[in-house]
Amino acid sequence: MNAAERPSARPTAVTMGDPAGIGGEITLKAWLTHRSAIAPFFVIDDPDRLDQLAKRLGFAVPIARIDSPGEAVLAYGSALPVLAEPLSVPPQPGRLDLANGAAVRRSIERAVALTLGDSAGAVVTNPIHKFGLTQTGFEYPGHTEFLAALAGVTSEPVMMLAAEMLRVVAITRHVSVCDAINMLTSDLIAETAHITHTALIRDFGIARPRLAITGLNPHAGEGGLMGPEEKDIIEPAIARLRKDGLTVTGPHPADTLFNPRARANYDAALCMYHDQALIPIKTIAFDSAVNVTLGIPFIRTSPDHGTAFDIAGTGTADESSLVAALVMAGSMASHRARWETHRNAPASA
């Protein structure tokens, strides 16, 4: 039995992303060419715009309008299930239209609500145009912070980029390098490590996670000669984590942590700032890396690219990262279900 035929009570909810970008195209392609390898999913989008887009690009993708996620499983094998979220104006590929911002936001809100309500098993988000949304009153730096707010999470969520050969976590995210340095604390590093450790056990099926923590400065500070942050901030966090029972190494010089031999020694690398984490994984796994949000009460993955306005509507967008995000969401949901079953099982007499 292939993935599309396996019964599932909770299909994955996929958001529309910006309708002027490539989200619709890669969603159509994912269903058209990979549905046998992906557990059932549905899209919260405008069914008319997806139908017209499929016809314009020559994709043989029937659209099934559904009223609830439960209908998606039955429809999935023969058509792309779409839960209607009408757009205000017809989108033009590559041309941002603020009039559709409210629908983009509602698509995300509905996906989260359905997942928190156990109607969907996970959320996969298509790329949004962050600047465009801020012009409509969207007050968040990006998906990660918005999802945390929708879930009522007050602590800082964690951004992981994951691929088959590497997982990285950025301890600070979308801030300047100067601000990232000022934000670093032992508490932030330890909290991020604990959230990552829990997720690796619960959602990735790794019984004893191994975490590698980078330094901030060249050569991990060279004993303080190239900066004090390793000794003052990072090493105390590592000592605390080891005392808590976590398997942690570091601080490692970032320039030697991502070669194949080094990667064999850890399950996730925790990096001090955005580019320290994203440059290696985008170099190693540009088309297959998946953005995963940790520290929120539901599974969320996303393709690791943007709206790609420059190629929207041309039929040339690569769906690989979205497919990887869908596959990873399904895998994480399965691991979490097994973890919850084991956790809730009565103790042996």
C-alpha atoms as a PDB file:
ATOM      1  CA  MET A   1       0.000   0.000   0.000  1.00  0.00           C
ATOM      2  CA  ASN A   2       1.473   3.368  -0.955  1.00  0.00           C
ATOM      3  CA  ALA A   3       1.386   6.520   1.163  1.00  0.00           C
ATOM      4  CA  ALA A   4      -1.608   7.986  -0.625  1.00  0.00           C
ATOM      5  CA  GLU A   5      -3.655   4.833   0.051  1.00  0.00           C
ATOM      6  CA  ARG A   6      -2.827   4.507   3.741  1.00  0.00           C
ATOM      7  CA  PRO A   7      -5.726   5.622   5.932  1.00  0.00           C
ATOM      8  CA  SER A   8      -5.085   8.701   8.053  1.00  0.00           C
ATOM      9  CA  ALA A   9      -7.521  10.403  10.395  1.00  0.00           C
ATOM     10  CA  ARG A  10      -5.555  13.645  10.320  1.00  0.00           C
ATOM     11  CA  PRO A  11      -4.232  14.892   6.976  1.00  0.00           C
ATOM     12  CA  THR A  12      -1.642  17.667   6.796  1.00  0.00           C
ATOM     13  CA  ALA A  13      -2.878  21.250   6.382  1.00  0.00           C
ATOM     14  CA  VAL A  14      -0.979  23.254   3.735  1.00  0.00           C
ATOM     15  CA  THR A  15      -1.289  27.042   3.619  1.00  0.00           C
ATOM     16  CA  MET A  16      -1.552  29.048   0.398  1.00  0.00           C
ATOM     17  CA  GLY A  17       1.475  31.296   0.943  1.00  0.00           C
ATOM     18  CA  ASP A  18       1.542  34.458  -1.133  1.00  0.00           C
ATOM     19  CA  PRO A  19      -0.718  33.786  -4.156  1.00  0.00           C
ATOM     20  CA  ALA A  20       1.573  35.834  -6.421  1.00  0.00           C
ATOM     21  CA  GLY A  21       4.499  33.549  -5.597  1.00  0.00           C
ATOM     22  CA  ILE A  22       5.311  29.928  -6.384  1.00  0.00           C
ATOM     23  CA  GLY A  23       3.361  28.341  -3.515  1.00  0.00           C
ATOM     24  CA  GLY A  24       0.406  27.317  -5.667  1.00  0.00           C
ATOM     25  CA  GLU A  25       2.618  25.920  -8.424  1.00  0.00           C
ATOM     26  CA  ILE A  26       4.778  23.780  -6.146  1.00  0.00           C
ATOM     27  CA  THR A  27       1.693  22.517  -4.309  1.00  0.00           C
ATOM     28  CA  LEU A  28       0.145  21.409  -7.595  1.00  0.00           C
ATOM     29  CA  LYS A  29       3.420  19.747  -8.613  1.00  0.00           C
ATOM     30  CA  ALA A  30       3.790  18.014  -5.255  1.00  0.00           C
ATOM     31  CA  TRP A  31       0.376  16.397  -5.599  1.00  0.00           C
ATOM     32  CA  LEU A  32       0.784  15.653  -9.302  1.00  0.00           C
ATOM     33  CA  THR A  33       4.157  13.927  -9.216  1.00  0.00           C
ATOM     34  CA  HIS A  34       4.747  12.845  -5.617  1.00  0.00           C
ATOM     35  CA  ARG A  35       1.386  12.051  -4.024  1.00  0.00           C
ATOM     36  CA  SER A  36       2.124   8.320  -3.797  1.00  0.00           C
ATOM     37  CA  ALA A  37       5.077   9.145  -1.516  1.00  0.00           C
ATOM     38  CA  ILE A  38       3.264  11.757   0.599  1.00  0.00           C
ATOM     39  CA  ALA A  39       0.582  11.093   3.197  1.00  0.00           C
ATOM     40  CA  PRO A  40      -2.730  12.877   2.447  1.00  0.00           C
ATOM     41  CA  PHE A  41      -2.733  16.651   2.645  1.00  0.00           C
ATOM     42  CA  PHE A  42      -5.158  19.449   1.818  1.00  0.00           C
ATOM     43  CA  VAL A  43      -4.609  23.095   0.899  1.00  0.00           C
ATOM     44  CA  ILE A  44      -6.331  26.122   2.410  1.00  0.00           C
ATOM     45  CA  ASP A  45      -6.502  28.236  -0.719  1.00  0.00           C
ATOM     46  CA  ASP A  46      -8.795  29.638  -3.375  1.00  0.00           C
ATOM     47  CA  PRO A  47      -9.901  26.597  -5.412  1.00  0.00           C
ATOM     48  CA  ASP A  48     -10.688  28.703  -8.489  1.00  0.00           C
ATOM     49  CA  ARG A  49      -7.217  30.228  -8.587  1.00  0.00           C
ATOM     50  CA  LEU A  50      -5.564  26.790  -8.201  1.00  0.00           C
ATOM     51  CA  ASP A  51      -7.755  25.329 -10.935  1.00  0.00           C
ATOM     52  CA  GLN A  52      -6.928  28.212 -13.283  1.00  0.00           C
ATOM     53  CA  LEU A  53      -3.229  28.002 -12.415  1.00  0.00           C
ATOM     54  CA  ALA A  54      -3.146  24.263 -13.146  1.00  0.00           C
ATOM     55  CA  LYS A  55      -4.807  24.791 -16.521  1.00  0.00           C
ATOM     56  CA  ARG A  56      -2.508  27.678 -17.444  1.00  0.00           C
ATOM     57  CA  LEU A  57       0.587  25.621 -16.634  1.00  0.00           C
ATOM     58  CA  GLY A  58      -0.774  22.471 -18.287  1.00  0.00           C
ATOM     59  CA  PHE A  59      -0.865  20.427 -15.070  1.00  0.00           C
ATOM     60  CA  ALA A  60      -3.468  17.649 -14.995  1.00  0.00           C
ATOM     61  CA  VAL A  61      -4.528  18.312 -11.414  1.00  0.00           C
ATOM     62  CA  PRO A  62      -8.244  17.959 -10.621  1.00  0.00           C
ATOM     63  CA  ILE A  63      -9.382  20.140  -7.708  1.00  0.00           C
ATOM     64  CA  ALA A  64     -11.663  18.668  -5.025  1.00  0.00           C
ATOM     65  CA  ARG A  65     -13.470  21.291  -2.970  1.00  0.00           C
ATOM     66  CA  ILE A  66     -13.818  20.013   0.588  1.00  0.00           C
ATOM     67  CA  ASP A  67     -15.717  21.306   3.602  1.00  0.00           C
ATOM     68  CA  SER A  68     -13.613  19.642   6.293  1.00  0.00           C
ATOM     69  CA  PRO A  69     -10.199  18.002   6.648  1.00  0.00           C
ATOM     70  CA  GLY A  70     -11.830  14.609   7.057  1.00  0.00           C
ATOM     71  CA  GLU A  71     -12.953  14.726   3.423  1.00  0.00           C
ATOM     72  CA  ALA A  72      -9.370  15.185   2.240  1.00  0.00           C
ATOM     73  CA  VAL A  73      -8.325  11.584   2.851  1.00  0.00           C
ATOM     74  CA  LEU A  74     -11.038  10.190   0.583  1.00  0.00           C
ATOM     75  CA  ALA A  75     -10.465  12.776  -2.153  1.00  0.00           C
ATOM     76  CA  TYR A  76      -6.663  12.753  -2.075  1.00  0.00           C
ATOM     77  CA  GLY A  77      -6.009   9.797  -4.375  1.00  0.00           C
ATOM     78  CA  SER A  78      -7.893  11.308  -7.304  1.00  0.00           C
ATOM     79  CA  ALA A  79      -7.803  15.084  -6.769  1.00  0.00           C
ATOM     80  CA  LEU A  80      -6.043  17.806  -4.806  1.00  0.00           C
ATOM     81  CA  PRO A  81      -8.279  18.583  -1.804  1.00  0.00           C
ATOM     82  CA  VAL A  82      -8.826  22.315  -1.257  1.00  0.00           C
ATOM     83  CA  LEU A  83     -10.532  23.955   1.709  1.00  0.00           C
ATOM     84  CA  ALA A  84     -11.762  27.231   0.255  1.00  0.00           C
ATOM     85  CA  GLU A  85     -10.183  30.532   1.297  1.00  0.00           C
ATOM     86  CA  PRO A  86     -11.317  32.978  -1.416  1.00  0.00           C
ATOM     87  CA  LEU A  87      -8.996  35.735  -2.576  1.00  0.00           C
ATOM     88  CA  SER A  88     -10.123  39.340  -2.857  1.00  0.00           C
ATOM     89  CA  VAL A  89      -8.586  39.861  -6.301  1.00  0.00           C
ATOM     90  CA  PRO A  90      -7.181  37.461  -8.935  1.00  0.00           C
ATOM     91  CA  PRO A  91      -3.429  37.209  -8.315  1.00  0.00           C
ATOM     92  CA  GLN A  92      -0.891  38.134 -10.961  1.00  0.00           C
ATOM     93  CA  PRO A  93       2.273  35.999 -10.836  1.00  0.00           C
ATOM     94  CA  GLY A  94       5.197  37.952  -9.434  1.00  0.00           C
ATOM     95  CA  ARG A  95       3.103  41.014  -8.556  1.00  0.00           C
ATOM     96  CA  LEU A  96       2.412  41.574  -4.872  1.00  0.00           C
ATOM     97  CA  ASP A  97      -1.174  42.657  -4.178  1.00  0.00           C
ATOM     98  CA  LEU A  98      -1.875  43.807  -0.651  1.00  0.00           C
ATOM     99  CA  ALA A  99      -5.586  43.168  -1.144  1.00  0.00           C
ATOM    100  CA  ASN A 100      -4.948  39.428  -0.745  1.00  0.00           C
ATOM    101  CA  GLY A 101      -2.991  39.794   2.493  1.00  0.00           C
ATOM    102  CA  ALA A 102      -5.992  39.044   4.687  1.00  0.00           C
ATOM    103  CA  ALA A 103      -6.618  35.736   2.908  1.00  0.00           C
ATOM    104  CA  VAL A 104      -2.954  34.759   3.275  1.00  0.00           C
ATOM    105  CA  ARG A 105      -3.169  35.406   6.996  1.00  0.00           C
ATOM    106  CA  ARG A 106      -6.503  33.567   7.384  1.00  0.00           C
ATOM    107  CA  SER A 107      -5.048  30.534   5.614  1.00  0.00           C
ATOM    108  CA  ILE A 108      -2.348  30.302   8.291  1.00  0.00           C
ATOM    109  CA  GLU A 109      -4.775  30.926  11.137  1.00  0.00           C
ATOM    110  CA  ARG A 110      -7.168  28.233   9.921  1.00  0.00           C
ATOM    111  CA  ALA A 111      -4.389  25.686   9.436  1.00  0.00           C
ATOM    112  CA  VAL A 112      -3.192  26.228  13.002  1.00  0.00           C
ATOM    113  CA  ALA A 113      -6.716  26.096  14.448  1.00  0.00           C
ATOM    114  CA  LEU A 114      -7.496  22.842  12.619  1.00  0.00           C
ATOM    115  CA  THR A 115      -4.241  21.289  13.819  1.00  0.00           C
ATOM    116  CA  LEU A 116      -4.659  22.398  17.421  1.00  0.00           C
ATOM    117  CA  GLY A 117      -8.202  21.015  17.219  1.00  0.00           C
ATOM    118  CA  ASP A 118      -6.883  17.616  16.056  1.00  0.00           C
ATOM    119  CA  SER A 119      -8.613  17.818  12.658  1.00  0.00           C
ATOM    120  CA  ALA A 120      -5.211  18.096  10.940  1.00  0.00           C
ATOM    121  CA  GLY A 121      -2.011  16.307  11.880  1.00  0.00           C
ATOM    122  CA  ALA A 122       0.511  19.030  11.005  1.00  0.00           C
ATOM    123  CA  VAL A 123       0.913  22.414   9.335  1.00  0.00           C
ATOM    124  CA  VAL A 124       3.060  22.952   6.244  1.00  0.00           C
ATOM    125  CA  THR A 125       3.392  26.604   5.276  1.00  0.00           C
ATOM    126  CA  ASN A 126       4.019  27.881   1.788  1.00  0.00           C
ATOM    127  CA  PRO A 127       6.253  30.988   1.529  1.00  0.00           C
ATOM    128  CA  ILE A 128       4.809  34.370   2.428  1.00  0.00           C
ATOM    129  CA  HIS A 129       6.014  37.829   1.408  1.00  0.00           C
ATOM    130  CA  LYS A 130       6.917  39.198   4.840  1.00  0.00           C
ATOM    131  CA  PHE A 131       7.288  42.837   3.819  1.00  0.00           C
ATOM    132  CA  GLY A 132       4.002  42.749   1.940  1.00  0.00           C
ATOM    133  CA  LEU A 133       2.154  41.354   4.937  1.00  0.00           C
ATOM    134  CA  THR A 134       3.603  43.991   7.243  1.00  0.00           C
ATOM    135  CA  GLN A 135       1.977  46.595   4.988  1.00  0.00           C
ATOM    136  CA  THR A 136      -1.407  45.068   5.882  1.00  0.00           C
ATOM    137  CA  GLY A 137      -0.877  45.250   9.647  1.00  0.00           C
ATOM    138  CA  PHE A 138       0.968  41.949  10.119  1.00  0.00           C
ATOM    139  CA  GLU A 139       3.128  42.644  13.175  1.00  0.00           C
ATOM    140  CA  TYR A 140       5.415  39.606  13.186  1.00  0.00           C
ATOM    141  CA  PRO A 141       8.904  39.149  11.689  1.00  0.00           C
ATOM    142  CA  GLY A 142       7.797  35.940   9.998  1.00  0.00           C
ATOM    143  CA  HIS A 143       5.918  32.664  10.207  1.00  0.00           C
ATOM    144  CA  THR A 144       7.727  31.392  13.293  1.00  0.00           C
ATOM    145  CA  GLU A 145       6.693  34.234  15.581  1.00  0.00           C
ATOM    146  CA  PHE A 146       3.131  34.334  14.190  1.00  0.00           C
ATOM    147  CA  LEU A 147       2.655  30.597  14.742  1.00  0.00           C
ATOM    148  CA  ALA A 148       3.892  30.893  18.316  1.00  0.00           C
ATOM    149  CA  ALA A 149       1.413  33.714  18.960  1.00  0.00           C
ATOM    150  CA  LEU A 150      -1.459  31.700  17.475  1.00  0.00           C
ATOM    151  CA  ALA A 151      -0.536  28.796  19.746  1.00  0.00           C
ATOM    152  CA  GLY A 152      -0.367  31.036  22.802  1.00  0.00           C
ATOM    153  CA  VAL A 153       3.325  30.312  23.337  1.00  0.00           C
ATOM    154  CA  THR A 154       5.046  33.110  25.233  1.00  0.00           C
ATOM    155  CA  SER A 155       8.567  31.654  25.202  1.00  0.00           C
ATOM    156  CA  GLU A 156      10.775  32.076  22.157  1.00  0.00           C
ATOM    157  CA  PRO A 157      10.164  29.361  19.521  1.00  0.00           C
ATOM    158  CA  VAL A 158      13.101  27.578  17.929  1.00  0.00           C
ATOM    159  CA  MET A 159      13.935  27.445  14.214  1.00  0.00           C
ATOM    160  CA  MET A 160      15.515  24.238  12.947  1.00  0.00           C
ATOM    161  CA  LEU A 161      16.633  23.606   9.372  1.00  0.00           C
ATOM    162  CA  ALA A 162      16.669  19.868   8.724  1.00  0.00           C
ATOM    163  CA  ALA A 163      17.790  17.583   5.929  1.00  0.00           C
ATOM    164  CA  GLU A 164      18.803  13.948   5.772  1.00  0.00           C
ATOM    165  CA  MET A 165      22.476  14.729   6.349  1.00  0.00           C
ATOM    166  CA  LEU A 166      22.298  17.717   8.695  1.00  0.00           C
ATOM    167  CA  ARG A 167      20.094  19.465  11.256  1.00  0.00           C
ATOM    168  CA  VAL A 168      20.948  22.970  12.444  1.00  0.00           C
ATOM    169  CA  VAL A 169      19.298  25.309  14.943  1.00  0.00           C
ATOM    170  CA  ALA A 170      19.809  29.072  14.969  1.00  0.00           C
ATOM    171  CA  ILE A 171      19.831  30.298  18.569  1.00  0.00           C
ATOM    172  CA  THR A 172      19.236  33.858  17.339  1.00  0.00           C
ATOM    173  CA  ARG A 173      17.350  34.336  14.094  1.00  0.00           C
ATOM    174  CA  HIS A 174      16.283  37.324  12.035  1.00  0.00           C
ATOM    175  CA  VAL A 175      18.286  40.072  13.700  1.00  0.00           C
ATOM    176  CA  SER A 176      21.513  41.862  12.837  1.00  0.00           C
ATOM    177  CA  VAL A 177      24.798  40.225  13.799  1.00  0.00           C
ATOM    178  CA  CYS A 178      25.370  42.986  16.370  1.00  0.00           C
ATOM    179  CA  ASP A 179      21.957  42.355  17.929  1.00  0.00           C
ATOM    180  CA  ALA A 180      22.533  38.591  17.853  1.00  0.00           C
ATOM    181  CA  ILE A 181      25.710  38.985  19.927  1.00  0.00           C
ATOM    182  CA  ASN A 182      23.913  41.205  22.421  1.00  0.00           C
ATOM    183  CA  MET A 183      21.022  38.725  22.686  1.00  0.00           C
ATOM    184  CA  LEU A 184      23.187  35.711  23.515  1.00  0.00           C
ATOM    185  CA  THR A 185      22.892  34.478  27.092  1.00  0.00           C
ATOM    186  CA  SER A 186      23.591  31.183  28.808  1.00  0.00           C
ATOM    187  CA  ASP A 187      19.868  30.920  29.560  1.00  0.00           C
ATOM    188  CA  LEU A 188      18.919  31.329  25.887  1.00  0.00           C
ATOM    189  CA  ILE A 189      21.428  28.686  24.776  1.00  0.00           C
ATOM    190  CA  ALA A 190      20.294  26.226  27.462  1.00  0.00           C
ATOM    191  CA  GLU A 191      16.586  26.763  26.751  1.00  0.00           C
ATOM    192  CA  THR A 192      17.131  26.302  23.010  1.00  0.00           C
ATOM    193  CA  ALA A 193      19.114  23.119  23.621  1.00  0.00           C
ATOM    194  CA  HIS A 194      16.410  21.637  25.857  1.00  0.00           C
ATOM    195  CA  ILE A 195      13.675  22.364  23.286  1.00  0.00           C
ATOM    196  CA  THR A 196      15.815  20.804  20.538  1.00  0.00           C
ATOM    197  CA  HIS A 197      16.632  17.762  22.693  1.00  0.00           C
ATOM    198  CA  THR A 198      12.943  17.148  23.420  1.00  0.00           C
ATOM    199  CA  ALA A 199      11.975  17.509  19.760  1.00  0.00           C
ATOM    200  CA  LEU A 200      14.680  15.090  18.589  1.00  0.00           C
ATOM    201  CA  ILE A 201      13.301  12.455  20.957  1.00  0.00           C
ATOM    202  CA  ARG A 202       9.592  13.086  20.414  1.00  0.00           C
ATOM    203  CA  ASP A 203       9.404  14.071  16.741  1.00  0.00           C
ATOM    204  CA  PHE A 204      12.496  12.505  15.156  1.00  0.00           C
ATOM    205  CA  GLY A 205      12.662   9.227  17.072  1.00  0.00           C
ATOM    206  CA  ILE A 206      16.230   9.746  18.361  1.00  0.00           C
ATOM    207  CA  ALA A 207      16.415   8.096  21.782  1.00  0.00           C
ATOM    208  CA  ARG A 208      19.640   9.772  22.965  1.00  0.00           C
ATOM    209  CA  PRO A 209      20.214  12.993  21.031  1.00  0.00           C
ATOM    210  CA  ARG A 210      23.734  14.358  20.622  1.00  0.00           C
ATOM    211  CA  LEU A 211      23.996  18.139  20.419  1.00  0.00           C
ATOM    212  CA  ALA A 212      27.009  20.057  19.117  1.00  0.00           C
ATOM    213  CA  ILE A 213      27.206  23.729  20.074  1.00  0.00           C
ATOM    214  CA  THR A 214      29.264  26.186  18.061  1.00  0.00           C
ATOM    215  CA  GLY A 215      31.389  28.994  19.351  1.00  0.00           C
ATOM    216  CA  LEU A 216      30.687  32.565  18.363  1.00  0.00           C
ATOM    217  CA  ASN A 217      34.161  33.796  17.508  1.00  0.00           C
ATOM    218  CA  PRO A 218      36.844  32.474  15.132  1.00  0.00           C
ATOM    219  CA  HIS A 219      38.458  29.291  16.500  1.00  0.00           C
ATOM    220  CA  ALA A 220      35.750  29.273  19.216  1.00  0.00           C
ATOM    221  CA  GLY A 221      37.514  32.195  20.846  1.00  0.00           C
ATOM    222  CA  GLU A 222      40.988  30.624  20.991  1.00  0.00           C
ATOM    223  CA  GLY A 223      40.882  30.486  24.780  1.00  0.00           C
ATOM    224  CA  GLY A 224      39.698  34.067  25.058  1.00  0.00           C
ATOM    225  CA  LEU A 225      42.221  35.607  22.690  1.00  0.00           C
ATOM    226  CA  MET A 226      39.546  36.228  20.042  1.00  0.00           C
ATOM    227  CA  GLY A 227      36.653  37.129  22.287  1.00  0.00           C
ATOM    228  CA  PRO A 228      35.191  36.361  25.728  1.00  0.00           C
ATOM    229  CA  GLU A 229      31.762  34.989  24.744  1.00  0.00           C
ATOM    230  CA  GLU A 230      32.807  31.331  24.744  1.00  0.00           C
ATOM    231  CA  LYS A 231      34.134  31.437  28.304  1.00  0.00           C
ATOM    232  CA  ASP A 232      31.547  33.857  29.678  1.00  0.00           C
ATOM    233  CA  ILE A 233      28.348  32.624  27.979  1.00  0.00           C
ATOM    234  CA  ILE A 234      28.645  29.432  25.947  1.00  0.00           C
ATOM    235  CA  GLU A 235      30.778  27.220  28.199  1.00  0.00           C
ATOM    236  CA  PRO A 236      28.594  27.861  31.283  1.00  0.00           C
ATOM    237  CA  ALA A 237      25.524  26.894  29.239  1.00  0.00           C
ATOM    238  CA  ILE A 238      27.191  23.668  28.122  1.00  0.00           C
ATOM    239  CA  ALA A 239      28.173  22.831  31.705  1.00  0.00           C
ATOM    240  CA  ARG A 240      24.578  23.373  32.823  1.00  0.00           C
ATOM    241  CA  LEU A 241      23.213  21.180  30.030  1.00  0.00           C
ATOM    242  CA  ARG A 242      25.597  18.355  30.891  1.00  0.00           C
ATOM    243  CA  LYS A 243      24.509  18.613  34.523  1.00  0.00           C
ATOM    244  CA  ASP A 244      20.919  18.262  33.275  1.00  0.00           C
ATOM    245  CA  GLY A 245      21.883  14.977  31.594  1.00  0.00           C
ATOM    246  CA  LEU A 246      22.078  16.111  27.952  1.00  0.00           C
ATOM    247  CA  THR A 247      24.813  14.847  25.640  1.00  0.00           C
ATOM    248  CA  VAL A 248      26.456  18.081  24.520  1.00  0.00           C
ATOM    249  CA  THR A 249      29.818  18.952  22.992  1.00  0.00           C
ATOM    250  CA  GLY A 250      31.432  22.307  22.289  1.00  0.00           C
ATOM    251  CA  PRO A 251      31.984  25.097  21.853  1.00  0.00           C
ATOM    252  CA  HIS A 252      33.181  24.007  18.410  1.00  0.00           C
ATOM    253  CA  PRO A 253      34.808  26.267  15.819  1.00  0.00           C
ATOM    254  CA  ALA A 254      32.083  26.684  13.212  1.00  0.00           C
ATOM    255  CA  ASP A 255      34.496  26.351  10.309  1.00  0.00           C
ATOM    256  CA  THR A 256      35.227  22.683  11.124  1.00  0.00           C
ATOM    257  CA  LEU A 257      31.847  21.482  12.392  1.00  0.00           C
ATOM    258  CA  PHE A 258      30.052  20.760   9.116  1.00  0.00           C
ATOM    259  CA  ASN A 259      32.361  18.460   7.176  1.00  0.00           C
ATOM    260  CA  PRO A 260      31.135  14.852   6.756  1.00  0.00           C
ATOM    261  CA  ARG A 261      33.395  13.404   9.457  1.00  0.00           C
ATOM    262  CA  ALA A 262      32.295  15.982  12.018  1.00  0.00           C
ATOM    263  CA  ARG A 263      28.592  15.611  11.145  1.00  0.00           C
ATOM    264  CA  ALA A 264      28.730  11.917  12.071  1.00  0.00           C
ATOM    265  CA  ASN A 265      29.235  12.882  15.722  1.00  0.00           C
ATOM    266  CA  TYR A 266      26.026  14.806  16.402  1.00  0.00           C
ATOM    267  CA  ASP A 267      22.295  14.806  15.647  1.00  0.00           C
ATOM    268  CA  ALA A 268      21.869  18.577  15.595  1.00  0.00           C
ATOM    269  CA  ALA A 269      24.193  21.567  15.642  1.00  0.00           C
ATOM    270  CA  LEU A 270      23.182  24.637  17.648  1.00  0.00           C
ATOM    271  CA  CYS A 271      24.581  27.799  16.098  1.00  0.00           C
ATOM    272  CA  MET A 272      24.869  31.268  17.571  1.00  0.00           C
ATOM    273  CA  TYR A 273      23.335  33.276  14.723  1.00  0.00           C
ATOM    274  CA  HIS A 274      21.346  32.931  11.504  1.00  0.00           C
ATOM    275  CA  ASP A 275      24.040  32.623   8.830  1.00  0.00           C
ATOM    276  CA  GLN A 276      26.253  30.397  10.961  1.00  0.00           C
ATOM    277  CA  ALA A 277      23.429  27.837  10.782  1.00  0.00           C
ATOM    278  CA  LEU A 278      21.948  28.449   7.358  1.00  0.00           C
ATOM    279  CA  ILE A 279      25.055  28.753   5.187  1.00  0.00           C
ATOM    280  CA  PRO A 280      26.190  25.152   5.794  1.00  0.00           C
ATOM    281  CA  ILE A 281      22.796  23.519   5.367  1.00  0.00           C
ATOM    282  CA  LYS A 282      21.919  25.540   2.276  1.00  0.00           C
ATOM    283  CA  THR A 283      25.275  24.604   0.808  1.00  0.00           C
ATOM    284  CA  ILE A 284      24.852  20.917   1.603  1.00  0.00           C
ATOM    285  CA  ALA A 285      21.098  20.508   1.008  1.00  0.00           C
ATOM    286  CA  PHE A 286      19.789  23.532  -0.874  1.00  0.00           C
ATOM    287  CA  ASP A 287      16.839  21.733  -2.500  1.00  0.00           C
ATOM    288  CA  SER A 288      15.935  19.359   0.323  1.00  0.00           C
ATOM    289  CA  ALA A 289      16.299  21.377   3.541  1.00  0.00           C
ATOM    290  CA  VAL A 290      13.124  21.880   5.560  1.00  0.00           C
ATOM    291  CA  ASN A 291      12.299  24.657   8.005  1.00  0.00           C
ATOM    292  CA  VAL A 292      10.891  23.174  11.243  1.00  0.00           C
ATOM    293  CA  THR A 293       9.480  25.187  14.133  1.00  0.00           C
ATOM    294  CA  LEU A 294      10.187  23.694  17.565  1.00  0.00           C
ATOM    295  CA  GLY A 295       8.759  24.757  20.903  1.00  0.00           C
ATOM    296  CA  ILE A 296       5.138  25.077  19.754  1.00  0.00           C
ATOM    297  CA  PRO A 297       2.361  22.532  20.501  1.00  0.00           C
ATOM    298  CA  PHE A 298       1.922  21.304  16.937  1.00  0.00           C
ATOM    299  CA  ILE A 299       4.101  20.149  14.057  1.00  0.00           C
ATOM    300  CA  ARG A 300       5.051  22.790  11.525  1.00  0.00           C
ATOM    301  CA  THR A 301       7.377  22.459   8.574  1.00  0.00           C
ATOM    302  CA  SER A 302       8.003  24.648   5.557  1.00  0.00           C
ATOM    303  CA  PRO A 303      10.060  24.655   2.368  1.00  0.00           C
ATOM    304  CA  ASP A 304      13.315  26.479   2.921  1.00  0.00           C
ATOM    305  CA  HIS A 305      12.904  29.159   0.245  1.00  0.00           C
ATOM    306  CA  GLY A 306      10.920  32.275  -0.452  1.00  0.00           C
ATOM    307  CA  THR A 307       8.116  33.337  -2.759  1.00  0.00           C
ATOM    308  CA  ALA A 308      10.379  33.458  -5.852  1.00  0.00           C
ATOM    309  CA  PHE A 309       8.372  36.190  -7.570  1.00  0.00           C
ATOM    310  CA  ASP A 310      10.930  36.246 -10.375  1.00  0.00           C
ATOM    311  CA  ILE A 311       9.874  32.793 -11.660  1.00  0.00           C
ATOM    312  CA  ALA A 312       6.257  32.683 -10.444  1.00  0.00           C
ATOM    313  CA  GLY A 313       3.841  31.552 -13.127  1.00  0.00           C
ATOM    314  CA  THR A 314       6.509  30.131 -15.430  1.00  0.00           C
ATOM    315  CA  GLY A 315       6.102  26.480 -14.464  1.00  0.00           C
ATOM    316  CA  THR A 316       9.796  26.166 -13.590  1.00  0.00           C
ATOM    317  CA  ALA A 317       9.608  26.258  -9.782  1.00  0.00           C
ATOM    318  CA  ASP A 318      11.197  23.263  -8.038  1.00  0.00           C
ATOM    319  CA  GLU A 319       8.809  21.531  -5.662  1.00  0.00           C
ATOM    320  CA  SER A 320      11.523  19.433  -3.961  1.00  0.00           C
ATOM    321  CA  SER A 321      11.678  21.431  -0.730  1.00  0.00           C
ATOM    322  CA  LEU A 322       7.884  21.429  -0.329  1.00  0.00           C
ATOM    323  CA  VAL A 323       7.802  17.672  -0.939  1.00  0.00           C
ATOM    324  CA  ALA A 324      10.533  17.257   1.682  1.00  0.00           C
ATOM    325  CA  ALA A 325       8.521  19.420   4.096  1.00  0.00           C
ATOM    326  CA  LEU A 326       5.402  17.318   3.537  1.00  0.00           C
ATOM    327  CA  VAL A 327       7.285  14.054   3.974  1.00  0.00           C
ATOM    328  CA  MET A 328       9.009  15.333   7.121  1.00  0.00           C
ATOM    329  CA  ALA A 329       5.724  16.559   8.584  1.00  0.00           C
ATOM    330  CA  GLY A 330       4.225  13.102   8.091  1.00  0.00           C
ATOM    331  CA  SER A 331       7.268  11.406   9.604  1.00  0.00           C
ATOM    332  CA  MET A 332       7.271  13.747  12.602  1.00  0.00           C
ATOM    333  CA  ALA A 333       3.559  13.153  13.162  1.00  0.00           C
ATOM    334  CA  SER A 334       4.131   9.390  13.165  1.00  0.00           C
ATOM    335  CA  HIS A 335       7.037   9.660  15.599  1.00  0.00           C
ATOM    336  CA  ARG A 336       5.020  11.924  17.892  1.00  0.00           C
ATOM    337  CA  ALA A 337       2.034   9.568  17.852  1.00  0.00           C
ATOM    338  CA  ARG A 338       4.264   6.648  18.866  1.00  0.00           C
ATOM    339  CA  TRP A 339       5.929   8.764  21.553  1.00  0.00           C
ATOM    340  CA  GLU A 340       2.556   9.805  22.984  1.00  0.00           C
ATOM    341  CA  THR A 341       1.292   6.225  22.934  1.00  0.00           C
ATOM    342  CA  HIS A 342       4.387   5.041  24.790  1.00  0.00           C
ATOM    343  CA  ARG A 343       4.217   7.930  27.260  1.00  0.00           C
ATOM    344  CA  ASN A 344       0.541   7.279  28.034  1.00  0.00           C
ATOM    345  CA  ALA A 345       0.839   3.499  28.243  1.00  0.00           C
ATOM    346  CA  PRO A 346       0.114   2.133  31.740  1.00  0.00           C
ATOM    347  CA  ALA A 347       3.198   1.063  33.668  1.00  0.00           C
ATOM    348  CA  SER A 348       3.802  -2.689  33.883  1.00  0.00           C
ATOM    349  CA  ALA A 349       2.788  -4.289  37.103  1.00  0.00           C
END
